[in-house]
Each structure stands twice: as C-alpha cells, then as structure tokens.
Amino acid sequence: MRREVLTWNDVDQLIDHLIPQFETEFDAMVMITHGGIVPGGLLADALKMSIILTASVDFPAELEQEAEKEKTRWMAWPKFLQFPESELLRGRRILIVDDVWGSGRTITAVKNRVTAAGGQPNTCVLHFNPNRNLFGSVRPDYYAATTDAHIVYPWEISRGPYRMLRDL
C-alpha cells in the first residue's frame, strides 16, 4: 500500500478545507481516540466549541489463530472502552471527528451509538478512503480529501511504528 507522510502545513490546509463545508452549527463534538484527538482539537478551536467529548472503540478479534483473526476481525462487534453518557448527547447536534475513514467501522459504530442516545450525529474526517469503505455508498458527512494511501500524520512521525520517519 502506498504511504503518504503529511506535514503540519498539510493538516492546516485540510482543516481549512473542512470548515466551510459545515452546514450547521454543532452543540458538541465527540473525538474518537486516538486518531480524532488532534484534528478534533484543531476543529474545536476553530469552531469555538466548548463541549468536547471522547469515544474509545476497539474491535477485538474473537479467534486466536492469525489467519482466522483476519477472516473474523471484520465481523467483530465493537467494544466501547469509553463513551459519553447519553444525557450529554440527547437532543444535540454532534460532530464526530476521526482522522481517517478507512473501513468506516469505528466512526459508524460511534455514529450509531450517538443516534441511539438521541443525538444528531454528523461524521467528519480528514481523509476518506472509498476503496476500503465497508458501507457501500455511505461516506462521511464531511471530509477534506479522498485517498487510497496509508496516511501518516505529523503527530505520528516520531512516535510508535513511524519513529524511523522522523528524519524525513
């Protein structure tokens, strides 16, 4: 898979591309950990949002053998490690933010839970990958760019698996 390494300037341009797309004002934001924290913070500041919440979702594989994990991981139910209380969402227009819509599983799970709590969810990502999307014609409500690459954001470069990229 092609990899694309972004700069902070690239991220600023993506945020600047997103902001004019918003058709409504939002009452609150739900940032999905880990990927949605930085873009969510940038958007929250730009939009002067004061109610900022987080959601943490995991899709555990149910089988131990590696080959079987790959087959079943797409069917695993989400495990919510952290999620806002329903009364914080009910009746509010919620902007759900993540960095990438790849398969769409994580942000769709959060969107469905916001809906179940009585909130009005709107999904927002920096990048949408239509080639990996598991939800047919469903796409994010707001996105700055489409891609078929694995995106490496500037906050990931000198940490974790991308540590070797810091000298680029």
N, C-alpha and C. Protein backbone atom coordinates (compact mmCIF):
# COMPACT_ATOMS: atom_id res chain seq x y z
N MET A 1 0.85 -1.18 0.00
CA MET A 1 0.00 0.00 0.00
C MET A 1 0.89 1.24 0.00
N ARG A 2 0.53 2.18 -0.80
CA ARG A 2 1.24 3.46 -0.88
C ARG A 2 1.10 4.21 0.45
N ARG A 3 2.18 4.85 0.87
CA ARG A 3 2.17 5.60 2.12
C ARG A 3 2.41 7.07 1.80
N GLU A 4 1.66 7.94 2.46
CA GLU A 4 1.80 9.38 2.27
C GLU A 4 2.06 10.02 3.63
N VAL A 5 3.18 10.73 3.76
CA VAL A 5 3.57 11.39 5.01
C VAL A 5 3.19 12.86 4.90
N LEU A 6 2.37 13.33 5.84
CA LEU A 6 1.90 14.72 5.81
C LEU A 6 2.70 15.61 6.75
N THR A 7 2.70 16.88 6.44
CA THR A 7 3.30 17.90 7.30
C THR A 7 2.19 18.60 8.06
N TRP A 8 2.59 19.43 9.04
CA TRP A 8 1.60 20.23 9.76
C TRP A 8 0.91 21.19 8.82
N ASN A 9 1.62 21.71 7.85
CA ASN A 9 1.01 22.60 6.87
C ASN A 9 -0.07 21.87 6.07
N ASP A 10 0.18 20.61 5.72
CA ASP A 10 -0.83 19.81 5.02
C ASP A 10 -2.10 19.68 5.88
N VAL A 11 -1.91 19.44 7.17
CA VAL A 11 -3.05 19.30 8.08
C VAL A 11 -3.81 20.62 8.18
N ASP A 12 -3.09 21.73 8.29
CA ASP A 12 -3.75 23.05 8.32
C ASP A 12 -4.61 23.26 7.08
N GLN A 13 -4.11 22.87 5.93
CA GLN A 13 -4.87 23.03 4.69
C GLN A 13 -6.11 22.13 4.69
N LEU A 14 -6.00 20.93 5.24
CA LEU A 14 -7.17 20.04 5.33
C LEU A 14 -8.23 20.62 6.25
N ILE A 15 -7.81 21.15 7.38
CA ILE A 15 -8.75 21.79 8.33
C ILE A 15 -9.42 22.99 7.65
N ASP A 16 -8.63 23.80 6.95
CA ASP A 16 -9.19 24.96 6.25
C ASP A 16 -10.17 24.54 5.16
N HIS A 17 -9.99 23.37 4.59
CA HIS A 17 -10.91 22.86 3.57
C HIS A 17 -12.21 22.35 4.21
N LEU A 18 -12.12 21.83 5.42
CA LEU A 18 -13.31 21.29 6.10
C LEU A 18 -14.26 22.37 6.60
N ILE A 19 -13.73 23.39 7.22
CA ILE A 19 -14.55 24.37 7.94
C ILE A 19 -15.67 24.96 7.08
N PRO A 20 -15.42 25.39 5.84
CA PRO A 20 -16.53 25.96 5.05
C PRO A 20 -17.61 24.94 4.65
N GLN A 21 -17.33 23.65 4.80
CA GLN A 21 -18.31 22.63 4.44
C GLN A 21 -19.45 22.52 5.44
N PHE A 22 -19.20 22.90 6.69
CA PHE A 22 -20.20 22.69 7.73
C PHE A 22 -21.45 23.50 7.44
N GLU A 23 -22.58 22.80 7.36
CA GLU A 23 -23.86 23.39 7.01
C GLU A 23 -24.65 23.85 8.22
N THR A 24 -24.16 23.53 9.39
CA THR A 24 -24.88 23.84 10.62
C THR A 24 -23.87 24.12 11.71
N GLU A 25 -24.33 24.65 12.81
CA GLU A 25 -23.50 24.75 14.00
C GLU A 25 -23.74 23.50 14.82
N PHE A 26 -22.73 23.08 15.54
CA PHE A 26 -22.83 21.87 16.34
C PHE A 26 -22.87 22.24 17.81
N ASP A 27 -23.60 21.43 18.58
CA ASP A 27 -23.72 21.66 20.01
C ASP A 27 -22.57 21.03 20.79
N ALA A 28 -21.99 19.97 20.22
CA ALA A 28 -20.91 19.26 20.91
C ALA A 28 -20.10 18.48 19.88
N MET A 29 -18.92 18.06 20.31
CA MET A 29 -18.04 17.25 19.47
C MET A 29 -17.67 15.98 20.22
N VAL A 30 -17.63 14.87 19.48
CA VAL A 30 -17.10 13.62 20.01
C VAL A 30 -15.86 13.29 19.17
N MET A 31 -14.70 13.29 19.84
CA MET A 31 -13.45 12.94 19.17
C MET A 31 -13.18 11.46 19.43
N ILE A 32 -12.86 10.73 18.38
CA ILE A 32 -12.56 9.31 18.51
C ILE A 32 -11.06 9.16 18.78
N THR A 33 -10.75 8.45 19.87
CA THR A 33 -9.34 8.22 20.19
C THR A 33 -8.78 7.14 19.26
N HIS A 34 -7.61 7.21 18.94
CA HIS A 34 -6.56 8.19 19.09
C HIS A 34 -6.55 9.16 17.93
N GLY A 35 -6.99 8.71 16.79
CA GLY A 35 -6.86 9.48 15.56
C GLY A 35 -7.61 10.79 15.53
N GLY A 36 -8.72 10.90 16.23
CA GLY A 36 -9.52 12.12 16.15
C GLY A 36 -9.15 13.20 17.14
N ILE A 37 -8.21 12.93 18.02
CA ILE A 37 -7.87 13.90 19.07
C ILE A 37 -7.27 15.18 18.48
N VAL A 38 -6.25 15.06 17.64
CA VAL A 38 -5.59 16.27 17.11
C VAL A 38 -6.50 17.01 16.13
N PRO A 39 -7.06 16.33 15.10
CA PRO A 39 -7.95 17.10 14.22
C PRO A 39 -9.18 17.64 14.96
N GLY A 40 -9.68 16.89 15.92
CA GLY A 40 -10.81 17.37 16.71
C GLY A 40 -10.47 18.61 17.51
N GLY A 41 -9.29 18.62 18.10
CA GLY A 41 -8.85 19.80 18.84
C GLY A 41 -8.70 21.01 17.95
N LEU A 42 -8.14 20.82 16.77
CA LEU A 42 -7.99 21.92 15.82
C LEU A 42 -9.35 22.46 15.38
N LEU A 43 -10.27 21.55 15.09
CA LEU A 43 -11.62 21.97 14.67
C LEU A 43 -12.37 22.62 15.82
N ALA A 44 -12.26 22.07 17.03
CA ALA A 44 -12.95 22.64 18.19
C ALA A 44 -12.49 24.07 18.44
N ASP A 45 -11.20 24.31 18.30
CA ASP A 45 -10.68 25.66 18.48
C ASP A 45 -11.21 26.60 17.38
N ALA A 46 -11.15 26.15 16.15
CA ALA A 46 -11.60 26.99 15.02
C ALA A 46 -13.09 27.28 15.10
N LEU A 47 -13.88 26.31 15.57
CA LEU A 47 -15.34 26.47 15.64
C LEU A 47 -15.81 27.02 16.98
N LYS A 48 -14.87 27.26 17.89
CA LYS A 48 -15.18 27.80 19.23
C LYS A 48 -16.16 26.90 19.97
N MET A 49 -15.92 25.60 19.89
CA MET A 49 -16.79 24.63 20.57
C MET A 49 -16.34 24.45 22.01
N SER A 50 -17.28 24.35 22.92
CA SER A 50 -16.91 24.21 24.33
C SER A 50 -17.24 22.83 24.89
N ILE A 51 -18.14 22.09 24.25
CA ILE A 51 -18.47 20.75 24.75
C ILE A 51 -17.72 19.73 23.88
N ILE A 52 -16.63 19.20 24.44
CA ILE A 52 -15.75 18.28 23.74
C ILE A 52 -15.75 16.97 24.51
N LEU A 53 -16.13 15.90 23.83
CA LEU A 53 -16.24 14.58 24.45
C LEU A 53 -15.36 13.60 23.68
N THR A 54 -15.09 12.44 24.28
CA THR A 54 -14.28 11.44 23.60
C THR A 54 -14.97 10.08 23.59
N ALA A 55 -14.65 9.31 22.56
CA ALA A 55 -15.11 7.94 22.45
C ALA A 55 -13.91 7.07 22.12
N SER A 56 -13.79 5.95 22.78
CA SER A 56 -12.72 5.00 22.51
C SER A 56 -13.36 3.66 22.16
N VAL A 57 -13.00 3.14 20.98
CA VAL A 57 -13.65 1.93 20.45
C VAL A 57 -12.57 0.93 20.07
N ASP A 58 -12.85 -0.34 20.35
CA ASP A 58 -11.95 -1.42 19.96
C ASP A 58 -12.77 -2.49 19.27
N PHE A 59 -12.17 -3.11 18.28
CA PHE A 59 -12.80 -4.25 17.60
C PHE A 59 -11.95 -5.48 17.86
N PRO A 60 -12.19 -6.17 18.98
CA PRO A 60 -11.35 -7.32 19.31
C PRO A 60 -11.60 -8.49 18.36
N ALA A 61 -10.52 -9.16 18.02
CA ALA A 61 -10.64 -10.39 17.23
C ALA A 61 -11.09 -11.50 18.18
N GLU A 62 -11.95 -12.37 17.70
CA GLU A 62 -12.50 -13.39 18.57
C GLU A 62 -11.74 -14.70 18.53
N LEU A 63 -10.92 -14.92 17.52
CA LEU A 63 -10.18 -16.17 17.43
C LEU A 63 -8.69 -15.90 17.58
N GLU A 64 -7.96 -16.88 18.12
CA GLU A 64 -6.55 -16.71 18.41
C GLU A 64 -5.63 -16.91 17.22
N GLN A 65 -5.95 -17.81 16.31
CA GLN A 65 -5.05 -18.08 15.20
C GLN A 65 -5.03 -16.92 14.23
N GLU A 66 -3.83 -16.51 13.79
CA GLU A 66 -3.67 -15.31 12.98
C GLU A 66 -4.49 -15.33 11.70
N ALA A 67 -4.48 -16.42 10.96
CA ALA A 67 -5.25 -16.49 9.71
C ALA A 67 -6.74 -16.35 9.99
N GLU A 68 -7.20 -16.94 11.06
CA GLU A 68 -8.61 -16.85 11.42
C GLU A 68 -8.97 -15.46 11.93
N LYS A 69 -8.04 -14.81 12.62
CA LYS A 69 -8.28 -13.44 13.07
C LYS A 69 -8.60 -12.53 11.90
N GLU A 70 -7.81 -12.65 10.84
CA GLU A 70 -8.01 -11.79 9.67
C GLU A 70 -9.40 -11.99 9.08
N LYS A 71 -9.87 -13.23 9.05
CA LYS A 71 -11.20 -13.52 8.49
C LYS A 71 -12.32 -12.99 9.37
N THR A 72 -12.14 -13.08 10.69
CA THR A 72 -13.24 -12.72 11.59
C THR A 72 -13.17 -11.31 12.13
N ARG A 73 -12.04 -10.63 11.98
CA ARG A 73 -11.93 -9.30 12.59
C ARG A 73 -12.90 -8.31 11.98
N TRP A 74 -13.29 -8.51 10.73
CA TRP A 74 -14.25 -7.60 10.10
C TRP A 74 -15.66 -7.81 10.63
N MET A 75 -15.89 -8.95 11.31
CA MET A 75 -17.23 -9.24 11.82
C MET A 75 -17.35 -9.00 13.33
N ALA A 76 -16.27 -8.60 13.99
CA ALA A 76 -16.29 -8.41 15.44
C ALA A 76 -17.19 -7.24 15.81
N TRP A 77 -17.88 -7.38 16.94
CA TRP A 77 -18.69 -6.30 17.48
C TRP A 77 -17.79 -5.29 18.15
N PRO A 78 -18.13 -4.02 18.09
CA PRO A 78 -17.27 -3.02 18.75
C PRO A 78 -17.36 -3.11 20.26
N LYS A 79 -16.24 -2.86 20.89
CA LYS A 79 -16.19 -2.76 22.35
C LYS A 79 -15.91 -1.29 22.66
N PHE A 80 -16.83 -0.64 23.36
CA PHE A 80 -16.65 0.76 23.71
C PHE A 80 -15.91 0.84 25.03
N LEU A 81 -14.67 1.30 24.97
CA LEU A 81 -13.85 1.42 26.17
C LEU A 81 -14.19 2.69 26.93
N GLN A 82 -14.64 3.70 26.19
CA GLN A 82 -15.06 4.97 26.78
C GLN A 82 -16.10 5.58 25.85
N PHE A 83 -17.17 6.12 26.44
CA PHE A 83 -18.19 6.75 25.62
C PHE A 83 -18.98 7.73 26.49
N PRO A 84 -19.37 8.89 25.93
CA PRO A 84 -20.12 9.88 26.72
C PRO A 84 -21.48 9.34 27.18
N GLU A 85 -21.92 9.82 28.31
CA GLU A 85 -23.24 9.46 28.82
C GLU A 85 -24.32 9.97 27.87
N SER A 86 -25.41 9.25 27.76
CA SER A 86 -26.49 9.60 26.84
C SER A 86 -27.03 11.00 27.05
N GLU A 87 -27.12 11.46 28.30
CA GLU A 87 -27.69 12.79 28.54
C GLU A 87 -26.80 13.91 27.98
N LEU A 88 -25.53 13.62 27.74
CA LEU A 88 -24.64 14.62 27.12
C LEU A 88 -24.85 14.72 25.61
N LEU A 89 -25.52 13.72 25.02
CA LEU A 89 -25.73 13.65 23.58
C LEU A 89 -27.17 13.93 23.16
N ARG A 90 -28.11 13.57 24.01
CA ARG A 90 -29.53 13.63 23.68
C ARG A 90 -29.96 15.02 23.23
N GLY A 91 -30.58 15.07 22.04
CA GLY A 91 -31.11 16.31 21.51
C GLY A 91 -30.07 17.28 20.97
N ARG A 92 -28.83 16.87 20.92
CA ARG A 92 -27.77 17.77 20.46
C ARG A 92 -27.26 17.38 19.08
N ARG A 93 -26.83 18.39 18.34
CA ARG A 93 -26.15 18.17 17.05
C ARG A 93 -24.68 17.88 17.38
N ILE A 94 -24.25 16.66 17.04
CA ILE A 94 -22.93 16.18 17.44
C ILE A 94 -22.04 16.05 16.21
N LEU A 95 -20.85 16.63 16.28
CA LEU A 95 -19.84 16.44 15.25
C LEU A 95 -18.88 15.36 15.73
N ILE A 96 -18.85 14.24 15.02
CA ILE A 96 -17.97 13.12 15.37
C ILE A 96 -16.73 13.23 14.49
N VAL A 97 -15.55 13.29 15.12
CA VAL A 97 -14.31 13.54 14.39
C VAL A 97 -13.32 12.38 14.55
N ASP A 98 -12.76 11.95 13.42
CA ASP A 98 -11.66 10.99 13.40
C ASP A 98 -10.69 11.45 12.32
N ASP A 99 -9.54 10.80 12.25
CA ASP A 99 -8.58 11.21 11.23
C ASP A 99 -8.91 10.63 9.86
N VAL A 100 -9.22 9.33 9.82
CA VAL A 100 -9.43 8.64 8.54
C VAL A 100 -10.69 7.78 8.60
N TRP A 101 -11.44 7.77 7.51
CA TRP A 101 -12.49 6.78 7.29
C TRP A 101 -11.88 5.77 6.33
N GLY A 102 -11.38 4.67 6.89
CA GLY A 102 -10.86 3.58 6.06
C GLY A 102 -12.00 2.62 5.80
N SER A 103 -12.14 1.63 6.66
CA SER A 103 -13.26 0.70 6.52
C SER A 103 -14.57 1.39 6.92
N GLY A 104 -14.48 2.36 7.83
CA GLY A 104 -15.66 3.06 8.31
C GLY A 104 -16.29 2.44 9.54
N ARG A 105 -15.73 1.33 10.01
CA ARG A 105 -16.34 0.62 11.14
C ARG A 105 -16.37 1.44 12.42
N THR A 106 -15.25 2.06 12.76
CA THR A 106 -15.17 2.78 14.04
C THR A 106 -16.12 3.96 14.07
N ILE A 107 -16.04 4.83 13.08
CA ILE A 107 -16.87 6.05 13.10
C ILE A 107 -18.35 5.70 12.94
N THR A 108 -18.66 4.63 12.21
CA THR A 108 -20.06 4.21 12.08
C THR A 108 -20.58 3.66 13.40
N ALA A 109 -19.75 2.93 14.13
CA ALA A 109 -20.16 2.42 15.45
C ALA A 109 -20.46 3.58 16.39
N VAL A 110 -19.60 4.61 16.36
CA VAL A 110 -19.82 5.79 17.21
C VAL A 110 -21.08 6.53 16.77
N LYS A 111 -21.24 6.70 15.47
CA LYS A 111 -22.43 7.39 14.94
C LYS A 111 -23.71 6.67 15.39
N ASN A 112 -23.73 5.35 15.29
CA ASN A 112 -24.91 4.58 15.68
C ASN A 112 -25.20 4.72 17.18
N ARG A 113 -24.16 4.77 17.97
CA ARG A 113 -24.37 4.91 19.41
C ARG A 113 -24.86 6.32 19.76
N VAL A 114 -24.37 7.34 19.06
CA VAL A 114 -24.87 8.70 19.28
C VAL A 114 -26.35 8.77 18.91
N THR A 115 -26.72 8.16 17.78
CA THR A 115 -28.12 8.11 17.36
C THR A 115 -28.97 7.41 18.42
N ALA A 116 -28.49 6.28 18.93
CA ALA A 116 -29.23 5.52 19.95
C ALA A 116 -29.42 6.34 21.23
N ALA A 117 -28.49 7.25 21.51
CA ALA A 117 -28.59 8.10 22.70
C ALA A 117 -29.50 9.31 22.47
N GLY A 118 -29.99 9.47 21.24
CA GLY A 118 -30.88 10.59 20.94
C GLY A 118 -30.16 11.81 20.38
N GLY A 119 -28.89 11.66 20.03
CA GLY A 119 -28.15 12.76 19.42
C GLY A 119 -28.32 12.77 17.92
N GLN A 120 -27.93 13.86 17.29
CA GLN A 120 -27.99 14.01 15.84
C GLN A 120 -26.55 14.02 15.32
N PRO A 121 -26.03 12.85 14.89
CA PRO A 121 -24.61 12.75 14.54
C PRO A 121 -24.29 13.24 13.13
N ASN A 122 -23.10 13.85 13.01
CA ASN A 122 -22.51 14.21 11.73
C ASN A 122 -21.07 13.74 11.78
N THR A 123 -20.64 12.99 10.78
CA THR A 123 -19.29 12.44 10.78
C THR A 123 -18.33 13.33 10.00
N CYS A 124 -17.09 13.41 10.49
CA CYS A 124 -16.09 14.29 9.89
C CYS A 124 -14.72 13.64 10.01
N VAL A 125 -14.00 13.56 8.89
CA VAL A 125 -12.64 13.02 8.88
C VAL A 125 -11.76 13.88 7.98
N LEU A 126 -10.47 13.76 8.19
CA LEU A 126 -9.54 14.44 7.29
C LEU A 126 -9.48 13.70 5.96
N HIS A 127 -9.40 12.36 6.00
CA HIS A 127 -9.27 11.56 4.78
C HIS A 127 -10.33 10.46 4.71
N PHE A 128 -10.87 10.30 3.52
CA PHE A 128 -11.84 9.24 3.23
C PHE A 128 -11.23 8.33 2.18
N ASN A 129 -11.20 7.02 2.49
CA ASN A 129 -10.67 6.03 1.55
C ASN A 129 -11.84 5.21 1.00
N PRO A 130 -12.39 5.58 -0.15
CA PRO A 130 -13.55 4.87 -0.69
C PRO A 130 -13.23 3.43 -1.08
N ASN A 131 -11.96 3.12 -1.30
CA ASN A 131 -11.58 1.75 -1.69
C ASN A 131 -11.66 0.76 -0.54
N ARG A 132 -11.57 1.24 0.69
CA ARG A 132 -11.62 0.36 1.86
C ARG A 132 -12.98 0.39 2.55
N ASN A 133 -13.84 1.30 2.16
CA ASN A 133 -15.13 1.51 2.81
C ASN A 133 -15.98 0.24 2.78
N LEU A 134 -16.44 -0.19 3.95
CA LEU A 134 -17.29 -1.38 4.06
C LEU A 134 -18.78 -1.07 3.99
N PHE A 135 -19.14 0.19 3.80
CA PHE A 135 -20.53 0.60 3.91
C PHE A 135 -21.13 1.09 2.60
N GLY A 136 -20.70 0.51 1.49
CA GLY A 136 -21.28 0.82 0.19
C GLY A 136 -21.16 2.28 -0.16
N SER A 137 -22.30 2.92 -0.42
CA SER A 137 -22.28 4.33 -0.82
C SER A 137 -22.27 5.28 0.37
N VAL A 138 -22.33 4.76 1.59
CA VAL A 138 -22.27 5.61 2.78
C VAL A 138 -20.86 6.18 2.89
N ARG A 139 -20.78 7.46 3.19
CA ARG A 139 -19.49 8.13 3.32
C ARG A 139 -19.58 9.14 4.44
N PRO A 140 -18.47 9.72 4.84
CA PRO A 140 -18.54 10.74 5.90
C PRO A 140 -19.37 11.94 5.45
N ASP A 141 -20.01 12.58 6.40
CA ASP A 141 -20.76 13.80 6.07
C ASP A 141 -19.82 14.90 5.62
N TYR A 142 -18.64 14.95 6.23
CA TYR A 142 -17.64 15.95 5.89
C TYR A 142 -16.27 15.29 5.82
N TYR A 143 -15.53 15.57 4.77
CA TYR A 143 -14.15 15.09 4.66
C TYR A 143 -13.36 16.06 3.80
N ALA A 144 -12.07 16.14 4.09
CA ALA A 144 -11.23 17.11 3.41
C ALA A 144 -10.62 16.56 2.13
N ALA A 145 -10.35 15.24 2.09
CA ALA A 145 -9.69 14.66 0.92
C ALA A 145 -10.03 13.18 0.82
N THR A 146 -9.97 12.66 -0.40
CA THR A 146 -10.07 11.22 -0.61
C THR A 146 -8.66 10.70 -0.87
N THR A 147 -8.44 9.43 -0.55
CA THR A 147 -7.12 8.85 -0.73
C THR A 147 -7.22 7.35 -0.86
N ASP A 148 -6.19 6.75 -1.45
CA ASP A 148 -6.05 5.30 -1.45
C ASP A 148 -4.76 4.92 -0.71
N ALA A 149 -4.11 5.92 -0.11
CA ALA A 149 -2.83 5.72 0.57
C ALA A 149 -3.03 5.50 2.07
N HIS A 150 -2.01 4.93 2.69
CA HIS A 150 -1.94 4.90 4.15
C HIS A 150 -1.35 6.25 4.56
N ILE A 151 -2.11 7.05 5.29
CA ILE A 151 -1.69 8.39 5.66
C ILE A 151 -0.93 8.35 6.99
N VAL A 152 0.22 9.01 7.02
CA VAL A 152 0.99 9.18 8.25
C VAL A 152 0.93 10.66 8.59
N TYR A 153 0.28 10.97 9.70
CA TYR A 153 0.11 12.35 10.12
C TYR A 153 1.34 12.83 10.88
N PRO A 154 1.56 14.15 10.93
CA PRO A 154 2.78 14.66 11.55
C PRO A 154 2.91 14.31 13.03
N TRP A 155 1.81 14.12 13.73
CA TRP A 155 1.88 13.75 15.14
C TRP A 155 2.24 12.28 15.33
N GLU A 156 2.28 11.50 14.25
CA GLU A 156 2.65 10.07 14.33
C GLU A 156 4.11 9.82 13.94
N ILE A 157 4.75 10.75 13.29
CA ILE A 157 6.05 10.51 12.66
C ILE A 157 7.13 10.09 13.64
N SER A 158 7.28 10.77 14.76
CA SER A 158 8.38 10.46 15.65
C SER A 158 7.97 9.56 16.81
N ARG A 159 6.83 8.92 16.70
CA ARG A 159 6.34 8.04 17.75
C ARG A 159 5.89 6.72 17.16
N GLY A 160 5.84 5.72 17.96
CA GLY A 160 5.29 4.43 17.55
C GLY A 160 5.97 3.84 16.33
N PRO A 161 5.19 3.21 15.48
CA PRO A 161 5.77 2.47 14.35
C PRO A 161 6.42 3.36 13.30
N TYR A 162 6.19 4.67 13.35
CA TYR A 162 6.76 5.57 12.34
C TYR A 162 7.98 6.33 12.87
N ARG A 163 8.54 5.85 13.96
CA ARG A 163 9.69 6.51 14.59
C ARG A 163 10.83 6.72 13.58
N MET A 164 11.04 5.78 12.68
CA MET A 164 12.16 5.88 11.72
C MET A 164 11.94 6.97 10.68
N LEU A 165 10.75 7.52 10.59
CA LEU A 165 10.47 8.56 9.61
C LEU A 165 10.82 9.96 10.10
N ARG A 166 11.25 10.11 11.35
CA ARG A 166 11.43 11.45 11.91
C ARG A 166 12.49 12.27 11.19
N ASP A 167 13.42 11.64 10.50
CA ASP A 167 14.47 12.39 9.82
C ASP A 167 14.11 12.75 8.38
N LEU A 168 12.89 12.44 7.96
CA LEU A 168 12.47 12.76 6.59
C LEU A 168 12.29 14.24 6.39
